[in-house]
Amino acid sequence: MTNNDIIDKLLMGTNETHKVTIKVDDDDLNIELRPLTSGELTKLKSIEKEPYTMNIGVNSQGKRTKTSVDDTANMTIGMGEFTEAQAEAMYTAVAWSMDTSVDTVKNFKTGIPELIFKHVIDISNLTDEDLTVLKQFR
């Protein structure tokens, strides 16, 4: 098998779409979703980690300096920002999988993005180690 054959095989899954059915009110809606790519997963991880702030002092020689009383790094997490970042990662994942905009997904009825996201998790073979937000859906 050549490198081109291997690359084609590795890319193949991202071009596939999966039809899933979701129930909205009394209607069964069939939607098409595609799996997320590894590059998209990396971006989602970045979105999810945005509210984390770590302060580590480094001197001019590149050595760590004392950053607190017990010489540990300081990490700050805004819980509201953390919740928003997780939601933004979910909205973005759904939008990419549906080939639509994040704003469109944000305007779905309450609970629908989460319902679709469960399917995105499954078809993309994501695990709890991939994104923190996944733990809410297990």
C-alpha atoms as a PDB file:
ATOM      1  CA  MET A   1       0.000   0.000   0.000  1.00  0.00           C
ATOM      2  CA  THR A   2       1.467   3.381  -1.008  1.00  0.00           C
ATOM      3  CA  ASN A   3       1.389   6.532   1.110  1.00  0.00           C
ATOM      4  CA  ASN A   4      -1.303   7.953  -1.189  1.00  0.00           C
ATOM      5  CA  ASP A   5      -3.437   4.845  -0.611  1.00  0.00           C
ATOM      6  CA  ILE A   6      -2.976   5.196   3.137  1.00  0.00           C
ATOM      7  CA  ILE A   7      -3.818   8.912   3.044  1.00  0.00           C
ATOM      8  CA  ASP A   8      -6.958   8.210   0.989  1.00  0.00           C
ATOM      9  CA  LYS A   9      -8.019   5.585   3.523  1.00  0.00           C
ATOM     10  CA  LEU A  10      -7.420   7.939   6.460  1.00  0.00           C
ATOM     11  CA  LEU A  11      -9.394  10.754   4.805  1.00  0.00           C
ATOM     12  CA  MET A  12     -12.245   8.522   3.674  1.00  0.00           C
ATOM     13  CA  GLY A  13     -14.197   8.664   6.936  1.00  0.00           C
ATOM     14  CA  THR A  14     -14.466  12.449   6.978  1.00  0.00           C
ATOM     15  CA  ASN A  15     -16.268  12.504   3.623  1.00  0.00           C
ATOM     16  CA  GLU A  16     -18.874  10.007   4.769  1.00  0.00           C
ATOM     17  CA  THR A  17     -22.129  11.304   6.125  1.00  0.00           C
ATOM     18  CA  HIS A  18     -24.353   9.535   8.602  1.00  0.00           C
ATOM     19  CA  LYS A  19     -28.110   9.959   8.694  1.00  0.00           C
ATOM     20  CA  VAL A  20     -29.445  10.228  12.207  1.00  0.00           C
ATOM     21  CA  THR A  21     -32.965  10.773  13.420  1.00  0.00           C
ATOM     22  CA  ILE A  22     -33.825  13.211  16.174  1.00  0.00           C
ATOM     23  CA  LYS A  23     -37.235  13.830  17.673  1.00  0.00           C
ATOM     24  CA  VAL A  24     -38.312  17.464  17.753  1.00  0.00           C
ATOM     25  CA  ASP A  25     -41.768  17.999  19.210  1.00  0.00           C
ATOM     26  CA  ASP A  26     -43.826  15.348  17.384  1.00  0.00           C
ATOM     27  CA  ASP A  27     -41.601  15.168  14.309  1.00  0.00           C
ATOM     28  CA  ASP A  28     -38.827  12.714  13.512  1.00  0.00           C
ATOM     29  CA  LEU A  29     -36.187  14.717  11.665  1.00  0.00           C
ATOM     30  CA  ASN A  30     -33.506  12.994   9.587  1.00  0.00           C
ATOM     31  CA  ILE A  31     -30.284  14.966   9.512  1.00  0.00           C
ATOM     32  CA  GLU A  32     -26.932  14.253   7.931  1.00  0.00           C
ATOM     33  CA  LEU A  33     -23.793  14.529  10.000  1.00  0.00           C
ATOM     34  CA  ARG A  34     -20.167  13.948   9.140  1.00  0.00           C
ATOM     35  CA  PRO A  35     -17.432  12.881  11.542  1.00  0.00           C
ATOM     36  CA  LEU A  36     -15.112  15.553  12.880  1.00  0.00           C
ATOM     37  CA  THR A  37     -11.518  15.637  11.661  1.00  0.00           C
ATOM     38  CA  SER A  38      -8.449  15.514  13.904  1.00  0.00           C
ATOM     39  CA  GLY A  39      -7.741  19.185  13.070  1.00  0.00           C
ATOM     40  CA  GLU A  40     -11.262  20.149  14.127  1.00  0.00           C
ATOM     41  CA  LEU A  41     -10.861  18.201  17.364  1.00  0.00           C
ATOM     42  CA  THR A  42      -7.664  20.141  18.086  1.00  0.00           C
ATOM     43  CA  LYS A  43      -9.502  23.440  17.555  1.00  0.00           C
ATOM     44  CA  LEU A  44     -12.352  22.287  19.822  1.00  0.00           C
ATOM     45  CA  LYS A  45      -9.824  21.470  22.554  1.00  0.00           C
ATOM     46  CA  SER A  46      -8.433  24.979  22.191  1.00  0.00           C
ATOM     47  CA  ILE A  47     -11.907  26.541  22.455  1.00  0.00           C
ATOM     48  CA  GLU A  48     -12.624  24.497  25.548  1.00  0.00           C
ATOM     49  CA  LYS A  49      -9.352  25.456  27.267  1.00  0.00           C
ATOM     50  CA  GLU A  50      -9.600  29.224  26.603  1.00  0.00           C
ATOM     51  CA  PRO A  51     -10.826  30.149  30.107  1.00  0.00           C
ATOM     52  CA  TYR A  52      -7.890  28.413  31.797  1.00  0.00           C
ATOM     53  CA  THR A  53      -5.177  30.821  32.803  1.00  0.00           C
ATOM     54  CA  MET A  54      -1.889  29.568  34.183  1.00  0.00           C
ATOM     55  CA  ASN A  55       0.709  31.917  35.583  1.00  0.00           C
ATOM     56  CA  ILE A  56       4.232  30.544  35.685  1.00  0.00           C
ATOM     57  CA  GLY A  57       7.060  32.948  36.354  1.00  0.00           C
ATOM     58  CA  VAL A  58      10.175  32.487  34.209  1.00  0.00           C
ATOM     59  CA  ASN A  59      13.392  34.448  34.632  1.00  0.00           C
ATOM     60  CA  SER A  60      15.698  35.616  31.835  1.00  0.00           C
ATOM     61  CA  GLN A  61      17.572  32.290  31.892  1.00  0.00           C
ATOM     62  CA  GLY A  62      14.347  30.390  31.240  1.00  0.00           C
ATOM     63  CA  LYS A  63      14.125  28.986  34.766  1.00  0.00           C
ATOM     64  CA  ARG A  64      10.902  28.978  36.712  1.00  0.00           C
ATOM     65  CA  THR A  65      10.655  31.618  39.424  1.00  0.00           C
ATOM     66  CA  LYS A  66       8.648  31.577  42.605  1.00  0.00           C
ATOM     67  CA  THR A  67       5.025  32.258  41.621  1.00  0.00           C
ATOM     68  CA  SER A  68       3.271  31.822  44.940  1.00  0.00           C
ATOM     69  CA  VAL A  69       3.904  31.217  48.608  1.00  0.00           C
ATOM     70  CA  ASP A  70       4.323  27.460  48.127  1.00  0.00           C
ATOM     71  CA  ASP A  71       6.255  27.803  44.828  1.00  0.00           C
ATOM     72  CA  THR A  72       3.528  26.284  42.662  1.00  0.00           C
ATOM     73  CA  ALA A  73       2.063  27.693  39.496  1.00  0.00           C
ATOM     74  CA  ASN A  74      -1.186  29.611  39.804  1.00  0.00           C
ATOM     75  CA  MET A  75      -4.134  28.465  37.730  1.00  0.00           C
ATOM     76  CA  THR A  76      -7.337  30.462  37.414  1.00  0.00           C
ATOM     77  CA  ILE A  77     -10.586  29.112  36.020  1.00  0.00           C
ATOM     78  CA  GLY A  78     -13.676  31.278  35.670  1.00  0.00           C
ATOM     79  CA  MET A  79     -16.584  28.831  36.069  1.00  0.00           C
ATOM     80  CA  GLY A  80     -18.947  30.962  33.978  1.00  0.00           C
ATOM     81  CA  GLU A  81     -16.333  31.253  31.260  1.00  0.00           C
ATOM     82  CA  PHE A  82     -15.622  27.521  31.555  1.00  0.00           C
ATOM     83  CA  THR A  83     -19.319  26.707  31.016  1.00  0.00           C
ATOM     84  CA  GLU A  84     -19.492  29.069  28.033  1.00  0.00           C
ATOM     85  CA  ALA A  85     -16.346  27.572  26.501  1.00  0.00           C
ATOM     86  CA  GLN A  86     -17.725  24.045  26.795  1.00  0.00           C
ATOM     87  CA  ALA A  87     -20.983  25.149  25.167  1.00  0.00           C
ATOM     88  CA  GLU A  88     -19.041  26.938  22.411  1.00  0.00           C
ATOM     89  CA  ALA A  89     -17.065  23.739  21.727  1.00  0.00           C
ATOM     90  CA  MET A  90     -20.325  21.781  21.503  1.00  0.00           C
ATOM     91  CA  TYR A  91     -22.012  24.332  19.207  1.00  0.00           C
ATOM     92  CA  THR A  92     -18.937  24.427  16.990  1.00  0.00           C
ATOM     93  CA  ALA A  93     -18.735  20.627  16.760  1.00  0.00           C
ATOM     94  CA  VAL A  94     -22.402  20.407  15.749  1.00  0.00           C
ATOM     95  CA  ALA A  95     -22.012  23.221  13.203  1.00  0.00           C
ATOM     96  CA  TRP A  96     -18.969  21.602  11.574  1.00  0.00           C
ATOM     97  CA  SER A  97     -20.615  18.190  11.511  1.00  0.00           C
ATOM     98  CA  MET A  98     -23.776  19.643   9.902  1.00  0.00           C
ATOM     99  CA  ASP A  99     -21.843  22.001   7.587  1.00  0.00           C
ATOM    100  CA  THR A 100     -23.654  25.045   8.926  1.00  0.00           C
ATOM    101  CA  SER A 101     -22.718  28.102  10.996  1.00  0.00           C
ATOM    102  CA  VAL A 102     -22.243  28.219  14.750  1.00  0.00           C
ATOM    103  CA  ASP A 103     -24.805  31.032  14.949  1.00  0.00           C
ATOM    104  CA  THR A 104     -27.391  28.795  13.277  1.00  0.00           C
ATOM    105  CA  VAL A 105     -26.773  26.055  15.846  1.00  0.00           C
ATOM    106  CA  LYS A 106     -27.021  28.572  18.700  1.00  0.00           C
ATOM    107  CA  ASN A 107     -30.493  29.479  17.432  1.00  0.00           C
ATOM    108  CA  PHE A 108     -31.793  25.882  17.557  1.00  0.00           C
ATOM    109  CA  LYS A 109     -34.449  25.159  20.160  1.00  0.00           C
ATOM    110  CA  THR A 110     -33.149  24.483  23.643  1.00  0.00           C
ATOM    111  CA  GLY A 111     -31.811  20.943  23.969  1.00  0.00           C
ATOM    112  CA  ILE A 112     -31.476  20.281  20.221  1.00  0.00           C
ATOM    113  CA  PRO A 113     -27.727  21.083  19.941  1.00  0.00           C
ATOM    114  CA  GLU A 114     -27.057  18.703  22.839  1.00  0.00           C
ATOM    115  CA  LEU A 115     -29.172  15.996  21.202  1.00  0.00           C
ATOM    116  CA  ILE A 116     -27.287  16.325  17.910  1.00  0.00           C
ATOM    117  CA  PHE A 117     -23.941  16.535  19.712  1.00  0.00           C
ATOM    118  CA  LYS A 118     -24.523  13.059  21.173  1.00  0.00           C
ATOM    119  CA  HIS A 119     -24.658  11.738  17.603  1.00  0.00           C
ATOM    120  CA  VAL A 120     -21.541  13.719  16.609  1.00  0.00           C
ATOM    121  CA  ILE A 121     -19.700  12.092  19.540  1.00  0.00           C
ATOM    122  CA  ASP A 122     -20.700   8.631  18.324  1.00  0.00           C
ATOM    123  CA  ILE A 123     -19.926   9.040  14.620  1.00  0.00           C
ATOM    124  CA  SER A 124     -16.605  10.774  15.375  1.00  0.00           C
ATOM    125  CA  ASN A 125     -15.567   8.058  17.870  1.00  0.00           C
ATOM    126  CA  LEU A 126     -14.761  10.670  20.515  1.00  0.00           C
ATOM    127  CA  THR A 127     -13.873   9.679  24.074  1.00  0.00           C
ATOM    128  CA  ASP A 128     -13.922  11.528  27.390  1.00  0.00           C
ATOM    129  CA  GLU A 129     -10.196  12.136  26.992  1.00  0.00           C
ATOM    130  CA  ASP A 130     -10.820  14.102  23.792  1.00  0.00           C
ATOM    131  CA  LEU A 131     -12.955  16.885  25.290  1.00  0.00           C
ATOM    132  CA  THR A 132     -14.030  17.744  28.836  1.00  0.00           C
ATOM    133  CA  VAL A 133     -17.566  18.549  27.653  1.00  0.00           C
ATOM    134  CA  LEU A 134     -18.059  14.889  26.657  1.00  0.00           C
ATOM    135  CA  LYS A 135     -18.282  13.861  30.310  1.00  0.00           C
ATOM    136  CA  GLN A 136     -21.673  15.572  30.482  1.00  0.00           C
ATOM    137  CA  PHE A 137     -22.986  13.302  27.719  1.00  0.00           C
ATOM    138  CA  ARG A 138     -21.911   9.907  29.120  1.00  0.00           C
END
